[in-house]
Amino acid sequence: MSGNPALAIIGAGGHALSVWDAAVSAGFEPVAFVDPLKVGSFCGIPVVSTLGELDHQVADLALGIGANFLRQEEYVRLIEGGKRYRFPPIIHRSAWVSPSASIGAGAVVLSAASVGAGCIVGVGAILNTSSSLDHSSKLFDFASLGPGAHTGGEVQIGKRVMVGLNAGIFPRVVVGDDSVVGAHSLLRDDLDDHSVSIGVPAVVTRRRGTNEPYF
């Protein structure tokens, strides 16, 4: 052990790899990935089926699950399981977070992402690589900004919303819970809950349930 805070990462897929990278950059020591569907090792550290298999005490966990609904489901399961796990925010050292911003438990801010002045990033939310949340905006619990996605100021992005790769959102727009803004889309108007919106300008193409595929 290096003396850095030990961390177990929930999940062992592509997003977990990004979380591992950010965690190492931020000074954590990932000691295991936890995934019941995989075995062996990943990034040179073991993959275990359950947290109970770890042979030492790990209090800090990171959420390495990319799908917003599933990430929330796992977080709730672990929080309600009776053990006092902590979910520290994971912020890559190349990211910029305003001193006036608030970052929730289990949130992840990946490399070159930006969180502006007065922003609120909710529990388990994700800012992917090179994304940005401009001043006074809110990214609510378990929502995600895809790589290169950007918002104007005073935007509100609801729970479990997925904003796709290189999408943009105009200032003061409100995005309802469980909605999707497609890759390379430009959202100019408020978006109702459970809506999939695609295009430039973005238009609603269908409705979706909380746990349905994004597209």
C-alpha atoms as a PDB file:
ATOM      1  CA  MET A   1       0.000   0.000   0.000  1.00  0.00           C
ATOM      2  CA  SER A   2       1.245   3.480  -0.902  1.00  0.00           C
ATOM      3  CA  GLY A   3      -0.446   5.415   1.902  1.00  0.00           C
ATOM      4  CA  ASN A   4      -2.952   6.910  -0.525  1.00  0.00           C
ATOM      5  CA  PRO A   5      -6.646   6.308   0.283  1.00  0.00           C
ATOM      6  CA  ALA A   6      -7.659   2.790  -0.782  1.00  0.00           C
ATOM      7  CA  LEU A   7     -10.581   2.656  -3.188  1.00  0.00           C
ATOM      8  CA  ALA A   8     -12.731  -0.092  -4.704  1.00  0.00           C
ATOM      9  CA  ILE A   9     -14.398   0.632  -8.050  1.00  0.00           C
ATOM     10  CA  ILE A  10     -17.868  -0.796  -8.671  1.00  0.00           C
ATOM     11  CA  GLY A  11     -17.918  -2.176 -12.224  1.00  0.00           C
ATOM     12  CA  ALA A  12     -15.172  -3.371 -14.558  1.00  0.00           C
ATOM     13  CA  GLY A  13     -16.086  -2.030 -17.988  1.00  0.00           C
ATOM     14  CA  GLY A  14     -15.148   0.981 -20.080  1.00  0.00           C
ATOM     15  CA  HIS A  15     -16.469   3.633 -17.713  1.00  0.00           C
ATOM     16  CA  ALA A  16     -14.777   1.910 -14.774  1.00  0.00           C
ATOM     17  CA  LEU A  17     -11.493   2.271 -16.663  1.00  0.00           C
ATOM     18  CA  SER A  18     -12.067   6.038 -16.932  1.00  0.00           C
ATOM     19  CA  VAL A  19     -12.916   6.222 -13.233  1.00  0.00           C
ATOM     20  CA  TRP A  20      -9.748   4.270 -12.401  1.00  0.00           C
ATOM     21  CA  ASP A  21      -7.692   6.775 -14.406  1.00  0.00           C
ATOM     22  CA  ALA A  22      -9.290   9.758 -12.642  1.00  0.00           C
ATOM     23  CA  ALA A  23      -8.944   8.114  -9.226  1.00  0.00           C
ATOM     24  CA  VAL A  24      -5.228   7.454  -9.690  1.00  0.00           C
ATOM     25  CA  SER A  25      -4.764  11.024 -10.924  1.00  0.00           C
ATOM     26  CA  ALA A  26      -6.615  12.343  -7.862  1.00  0.00           C
ATOM     27  CA  GLY A  27      -4.357  10.471  -5.436  1.00  0.00           C
ATOM     28  CA  PHE A  28      -6.460   7.409  -4.596  1.00  0.00           C
ATOM     29  CA  GLU A  29      -5.118   3.860  -4.680  1.00  0.00           C
ATOM     30  CA  PRO A  30      -7.622   1.595  -6.459  1.00  0.00           C
ATOM     31  CA  VAL A  31      -7.241  -1.875  -4.957  1.00  0.00           C
ATOM     32  CA  ALA A  32     -10.025  -3.787  -6.743  1.00  0.00           C
ATOM     33  CA  PHE A  33     -12.818  -3.659  -9.278  1.00  0.00           C
ATOM     34  CA  VAL A  34     -16.085  -5.249  -8.142  1.00  0.00           C
ATOM     35  CA  ASP A  35     -18.087  -6.984 -10.858  1.00  0.00           C
ATOM     36  CA  PRO A  36     -19.972 -10.297 -10.472  1.00  0.00           C
ATOM     37  CA  LEU A  37     -19.821 -10.919 -14.231  1.00  0.00           C
ATOM     38  CA  LYS A  38     -16.049 -10.729 -14.642  1.00  0.00           C
ATOM     39  CA  VAL A  39     -13.002 -12.468 -13.210  1.00  0.00           C
ATOM     40  CA  GLY A  40      -9.257 -12.011 -13.276  1.00  0.00           C
ATOM     41  CA  SER A  41      -7.663  -8.593 -13.280  1.00  0.00           C
ATOM     42  CA  PHE A  42      -8.149  -5.210 -14.908  1.00  0.00           C
ATOM     43  CA  CYS A  43      -5.567  -2.414 -15.061  1.00  0.00           C
ATOM     44  CA  GLY A  44      -3.269  -4.669 -13.070  1.00  0.00           C
ATOM     45  CA  ILE A  45      -5.562  -4.969 -10.050  1.00  0.00           C
ATOM     46  CA  PRO A  46      -7.959  -7.812  -9.178  1.00  0.00           C
ATOM     47  CA  VAL A  47     -11.598  -8.069 -10.172  1.00  0.00           C
ATOM     48  CA  VAL A  48     -13.738  -9.535  -7.386  1.00  0.00           C
ATOM     49  CA  SER A  49     -17.373 -10.629  -7.447  1.00  0.00           C
ATOM     50  CA  THR A  50     -18.406  -8.925  -4.210  1.00  0.00           C
ATOM     51  CA  LEU A  51     -17.004  -6.414  -1.761  1.00  0.00           C
ATOM     52  CA  GLY A  52     -16.969  -9.178   0.834  1.00  0.00           C
ATOM     53  CA  GLU A  53     -14.132 -10.896  -1.055  1.00  0.00           C
ATOM     54  CA  LEU A  54     -11.680  -8.119  -0.326  1.00  0.00           C
ATOM     55  CA  ASP A  55      -9.190  -9.258   2.280  1.00  0.00           C
ATOM     56  CA  HIS A  56      -8.796  -5.819   3.836  1.00  0.00           C
ATOM     57  CA  GLN A  57     -11.058  -2.981   4.901  1.00  0.00           C
ATOM     58  CA  VAL A  58     -12.114  -0.622   2.119  1.00  0.00           C
ATOM     59  CA  ALA A  59     -14.428   2.213   3.112  1.00  0.00           C
ATOM     60  CA  ASP A  60     -14.182   4.347  -0.030  1.00  0.00           C
ATOM     61  CA  LEU A  61     -16.032   3.287  -3.178  1.00  0.00           C
ATOM     62  CA  ALA A  62     -16.261   4.737  -6.682  1.00  0.00           C
ATOM     63  CA  LEU A  63     -19.105   4.157  -9.125  1.00  0.00           C
ATOM     64  CA  GLY A  64     -17.698   2.746 -12.362  1.00  0.00           C
ATOM     65  CA  ILE A  65     -21.084   2.067 -14.013  1.00  0.00           C
ATOM     66  CA  GLY A  66     -21.835   4.180 -17.077  1.00  0.00           C
ATOM     67  CA  ALA A  67     -25.611   3.668 -17.403  1.00  0.00           C
ATOM     68  CA  ASN A  68     -27.304   6.300 -15.250  1.00  0.00           C
ATOM     69  CA  PHE A  69     -30.209   4.207 -13.969  1.00  0.00           C
ATOM     70  CA  LEU A  70     -27.987   1.240 -13.116  1.00  0.00           C
ATOM     71  CA  ARG A  71     -25.465   3.484 -11.364  1.00  0.00           C
ATOM     72  CA  GLN A  72     -28.223   4.891  -9.159  1.00  0.00           C
ATOM     73  CA  GLU A  73     -29.598   1.407  -8.471  1.00  0.00           C
ATOM     74  CA  GLU A  74     -26.204   0.139  -7.306  1.00  0.00           C
ATOM     75  CA  TYR A  75     -25.550   3.212  -5.172  1.00  0.00           C
ATOM     76  CA  VAL A  76     -28.895   2.827  -3.403  1.00  0.00           C
ATOM     77  CA  ARG A  77     -28.268  -0.889  -2.846  1.00  0.00           C
ATOM     78  CA  LEU A  78     -24.901  -0.210  -1.251  1.00  0.00           C
ATOM     79  CA  ILE A  79     -26.112   2.702   0.870  1.00  0.00           C
ATOM     80  CA  GLU A  80     -29.043   0.666   2.170  1.00  0.00           C
ATOM     81  CA  GLY A  81     -26.889  -2.411   2.815  1.00  0.00           C
ATOM     82  CA  GLY A  82     -26.016  -1.399   6.354  1.00  0.00           C
ATOM     83  CA  LYS A  83     -22.281  -0.805   5.928  1.00  0.00           C
ATOM     84  CA  ARG A  84     -20.833   2.667   6.183  1.00  0.00           C
ATOM     85  CA  TYR A  85     -19.277   3.022   2.760  1.00  0.00           C
ATOM     86  CA  ARG A  86     -18.107   6.433   1.611  1.00  0.00           C
ATOM     87  CA  PHE A  87     -18.418   7.690  -1.959  1.00  0.00           C
ATOM     88  CA  PRO A  88     -15.875  10.502  -2.359  1.00  0.00           C
ATOM     89  CA  PRO A  89     -16.084  12.644  -5.495  1.00  0.00           C
ATOM     90  CA  ILE A  90     -13.487  11.548  -8.047  1.00  0.00           C
ATOM     91  CA  ILE A  91     -11.996  14.562  -9.830  1.00  0.00           C
ATOM     92  CA  HIS A  92      -9.206  14.159 -12.381  1.00  0.00           C
ATOM     93  CA  ARG A  93      -6.300  16.490 -11.666  1.00  0.00           C
ATOM     94  CA  SER A  94      -6.600  18.042 -15.162  1.00  0.00           C
ATOM     95  CA  ALA A  95     -10.249  19.009 -14.578  1.00  0.00           C
ATOM     96  CA  TRP A  96     -11.202  22.487 -13.383  1.00  0.00           C
ATOM     97  CA  VAL A  97     -13.784  22.888 -10.644  1.00  0.00           C
ATOM     98  CA  SER A  98     -14.695  26.364  -9.422  1.00  0.00           C
ATOM     99  CA  PRO A  99     -14.161  26.893  -5.689  1.00  0.00           C
ATOM    100  CA  SER A 100     -17.801  28.041  -5.562  1.00  0.00           C
ATOM    101  CA  ALA A 101     -19.121  24.816  -7.139  1.00  0.00           C
ATOM    102  CA  SER A 102     -20.543  21.868  -5.184  1.00  0.00           C
ATOM    103  CA  ILE A 103     -19.688  18.265  -6.110  1.00  0.00           C
ATOM    104  CA  GLY A 104     -21.893  15.478  -4.708  1.00  0.00           C
ATOM    105  CA  ALA A 105     -20.933  12.126  -3.253  1.00  0.00           C
ATOM    106  CA  GLY A 106     -19.865   9.597  -5.862  1.00  0.00           C
ATOM    107  CA  ALA A 107     -19.749  12.168  -8.673  1.00  0.00           C
ATOM    108  CA  VAL A 108     -16.977  11.829 -11.267  1.00  0.00           C
ATOM    109  CA  VAL A 109     -15.291  14.680 -13.156  1.00  0.00           C
ATOM    110  CA  LEU A 110     -13.010  13.276 -15.847  1.00  0.00           C
ATOM    111  CA  SER A 111      -9.980  14.745 -17.574  1.00  0.00           C
ATOM    112  CA  ALA A 112     -10.176  18.299 -18.965  1.00  0.00           C
ATOM    113  CA  ALA A 113     -13.775  18.735 -17.813  1.00  0.00           C
ATOM    114  CA  SER A 114     -14.913  22.055 -16.342  1.00  0.00           C
ATOM    115  CA  VAL A 115     -17.408  22.904 -13.596  1.00  0.00           C
ATOM    116  CA  GLY A 116     -18.173  26.616 -13.541  1.00  0.00           C
ATOM    117  CA  ALA A 117     -18.844  29.106 -10.794  1.00  0.00           C
ATOM    118  CA  GLY A 118     -21.885  28.401  -8.648  1.00  0.00           C
ATOM    119  CA  CYS A 119     -22.608  25.024 -10.268  1.00  0.00           C
ATOM    120  CA  ILE A 120     -24.086  22.049  -8.446  1.00  0.00           C
ATOM    121  CA  VAL A 121     -23.109  18.519  -9.478  1.00  0.00           C
ATOM    122  CA  GLY A 122     -25.375  15.929  -7.868  1.00  0.00           C
ATOM    123  CA  VAL A 123     -24.778  12.550  -6.270  1.00  0.00           C
ATOM    124  CA  GLY A 124     -23.341  10.032  -8.720  1.00  0.00           C
ATOM    125  CA  ALA A 125     -23.345  12.477 -11.646  1.00  0.00           C
ATOM    126  CA  ILE A 126     -20.697  12.333 -14.387  1.00  0.00           C
ATOM    127  CA  LEU A 127     -18.861  14.968 -16.394  1.00  0.00           C
ATOM    128  CA  ASN A 128     -17.049  13.025 -19.069  1.00  0.00           C
ATOM    129  CA  THR A 129     -13.802  14.013 -20.775  1.00  0.00           C
ATOM    130  CA  SER A 130     -13.654  17.659 -21.951  1.00  0.00           C
ATOM    131  CA  SER A 131     -17.281  18.384 -21.052  1.00  0.00           C
ATOM    132  CA  SER A 132     -18.322  21.595 -19.316  1.00  0.00           C
ATOM    133  CA  LEU A 133     -21.076  22.836 -17.055  1.00  0.00           C
ATOM    134  CA  ASP A 134     -21.234  26.624 -17.214  1.00  0.00           C
ATOM    135  CA  HIS A 135     -21.927  29.033 -14.374  1.00  0.00           C
ATOM    136  CA  SER A 136     -24.911  28.598 -12.055  1.00  0.00           C
ATOM    137  CA  SER A 137     -25.964  25.327 -13.708  1.00  0.00           C
ATOM    138  CA  LYS A 138     -27.167  22.137 -12.039  1.00  0.00           C
ATOM    139  CA  LEU A 139     -26.422  18.565 -13.071  1.00  0.00           C
ATOM    140  CA  PHE A 140     -28.769  16.580 -10.856  1.00  0.00           C
ATOM    141  CA  ASP A 141     -28.248  13.150  -9.294  1.00  0.00           C
ATOM    142  CA  PHE A 142     -26.961  10.384 -11.592  1.00  0.00           C
ATOM    143  CA  ALA A 143     -27.152  12.563 -14.724  1.00  0.00           C
ATOM    144  CA  SER A 144     -24.249  12.581 -17.193  1.00  0.00           C
ATOM    145  CA  LEU A 145     -22.579  14.874 -19.700  1.00  0.00           C
ATOM    146  CA  GLY A 146     -20.925  12.925 -22.522  1.00  0.00           C
ATOM    147  CA  PRO A 147     -17.409  13.645 -23.807  1.00  0.00           C
ATOM    148  CA  GLY A 148     -17.217  17.137 -25.267  1.00  0.00           C
ATOM    149  CA  ALA A 149     -20.765  18.101 -24.218  1.00  0.00           C
ATOM    150  CA  HIS A 150     -21.248  21.723 -23.128  1.00  0.00           C
ATOM    151  CA  THR A 151     -23.913  23.842 -21.488  1.00  0.00           C
ATOM    152  CA  GLY A 152     -24.546  27.538 -21.256  1.00  0.00           C
ATOM    153  CA  GLY A 153     -25.117  29.176 -17.906  1.00  0.00           C
ATOM    154  CA  GLU A 154     -28.087  28.588 -15.596  1.00  0.00           C
ATOM    155  CA  VAL A 155     -28.982  25.243 -17.180  1.00  0.00           C
ATOM    156  CA  GLN A 156     -30.784  22.578 -15.156  1.00  0.00           C
ATOM    157  CA  ILE A 157     -30.232  18.942 -16.147  1.00  0.00           C
ATOM    158  CA  GLY A 158     -32.592  16.534 -14.382  1.00  0.00           C
ATOM    159  CA  LYS A 159     -32.017  13.236 -12.658  1.00  0.00           C
ATOM    160  CA  ARG A 160     -30.551  10.408 -14.763  1.00  0.00           C
ATOM    161  CA  VAL A 161     -30.467  12.588 -17.899  1.00  0.00           C
ATOM    162  CA  MET A 162     -27.918  11.553 -20.532  1.00  0.00           C
ATOM    163  CA  VAL A 163     -26.416  14.366 -22.627  1.00  0.00           C
ATOM    164  CA  GLY A 164     -24.585  12.763 -25.524  1.00  0.00           C
ATOM    165  CA  LEU A 165     -21.189  13.194 -27.143  1.00  0.00           C
ATOM    166  CA  ASN A 166     -20.481  16.809 -28.230  1.00  0.00           C
ATOM    167  CA  ALA A 167     -24.046  17.942 -27.540  1.00  0.00           C
ATOM    168  CA  GLY A 168     -24.789  21.541 -26.575  1.00  0.00           C
ATOM    169  CA  ILE A 169     -27.468  23.101 -24.377  1.00  0.00           C
ATOM    170  CA  PHE A 170     -28.439  26.780 -24.566  1.00  0.00           C
ATOM    171  CA  PRO A 171     -28.383  28.960 -21.434  1.00  0.00           C
ATOM    172  CA  ARG A 172     -31.303  28.730 -18.981  1.00  0.00           C
ATOM    173  CA  VAL A 173     -32.720  25.563 -20.565  1.00  0.00           C
ATOM    174  CA  VAL A 174     -34.353  23.017 -18.226  1.00  0.00           C
ATOM    175  CA  VAL A 175     -33.993  19.317 -19.098  1.00  0.00           C
ATOM    176  CA  GLY A 176     -36.528  17.016 -17.418  1.00  0.00           C
ATOM    177  CA  ASP A 177     -35.684  13.830 -15.531  1.00  0.00           C
ATOM    178  CA  ASP A 178     -34.781  10.663 -17.485  1.00  0.00           C
ATOM    179  CA  SER A 179     -34.432  12.506 -20.782  1.00  0.00           C
ATOM    180  CA  VAL A 180     -31.761  12.178 -23.472  1.00  0.00           C
ATOM    181  CA  VAL A 181     -30.044  14.798 -25.615  1.00  0.00           C
ATOM    182  CA  GLY A 182     -28.486  12.969 -28.556  1.00  0.00           C
ATOM    183  CA  ALA A 183     -24.866  13.171 -29.689  1.00  0.00           C
ATOM    184  CA  HIS A 184     -23.985  16.350 -31.621  1.00  0.00           C
ATOM    185  CA  SER A 185     -27.444  17.768 -30.911  1.00  0.00           C
ATOM    186  CA  LEU A 186     -28.177  21.376 -29.945  1.00  0.00           C
ATOM    187  CA  LEU A 187     -30.962  21.828 -27.411  1.00  0.00           C
ATOM    188  CA  ARG A 188     -32.458  25.332 -27.473  1.00  0.00           C
ATOM    189  CA  ASP A 189     -35.725  24.811 -25.564  1.00  0.00           C
ATOM    190  CA  ASP A 190     -36.847  23.135 -22.341  1.00  0.00           C
ATOM    191  CA  LEU A 191     -37.278  19.369 -22.557  1.00  0.00           C
ATOM    192  CA  ASP A 192     -39.999  17.417 -20.745  1.00  0.00           C
ATOM    193  CA  ASP A 193     -39.293  14.391 -18.553  1.00  0.00           C
ATOM    194  CA  HIS A 194     -38.710  11.048 -20.330  1.00  0.00           C
ATOM    195  CA  SER A 195     -37.994  12.617 -23.748  1.00  0.00           C
ATOM    196  CA  VAL A 196     -35.395  11.710 -26.376  1.00  0.00           C
ATOM    197  CA  SER A 197     -34.299  14.785 -28.338  1.00  0.00           C
ATOM    198  CA  ILE A 198     -31.998  14.670 -31.368  1.00  0.00           C
ATOM    199  CA  GLY A 199     -30.777  17.083 -34.051  1.00  0.00           C
ATOM    200  CA  VAL A 200     -29.759  20.694 -34.719  1.00  0.00           C
ATOM    201  CA  PRO A 201     -31.917  22.176 -33.390  1.00  0.00           C
ATOM    202  CA  ALA A 202     -32.919  19.179 -31.271  1.00  0.00           C
ATOM    203  CA  VAL A 203     -36.475  17.869 -31.589  1.00  0.00           C
ATOM    204  CA  VAL A 204     -38.249  15.183 -29.570  1.00  0.00           C
ATOM    205  CA  THR A 205     -38.279  11.835 -31.384  1.00  0.00           C
ATOM    206  CA  ARG A 206     -39.854   9.579 -28.759  1.00  0.00           C
ATOM    207  CA  ARG A 207     -40.587   9.005 -25.086  1.00  0.00           C
ATOM    208  CA  ARG A 208     -38.571   6.664 -22.875  1.00  0.00           C
ATOM    209  CA  GLY A 209     -38.832   4.982 -19.495  1.00  0.00           C
ATOM    210  CA  THR A 210     -36.339   5.449 -16.700  1.00  0.00           C
ATOM    211  CA  ASN A 211     -34.595   2.139 -17.344  1.00  0.00           C
ATOM    212  CA  GLU A 212     -34.944   1.941 -21.149  1.00  0.00           C
ATOM    213  CA  PRO A 213     -32.031   2.220 -23.599  1.00  0.00           C
ATOM    214  CA  TYR A 214     -31.030   5.796 -24.400  1.00  0.00           C
ATOM    215  CA  PHE A 215     -31.935   5.484 -28.098  1.00  0.00           C
END
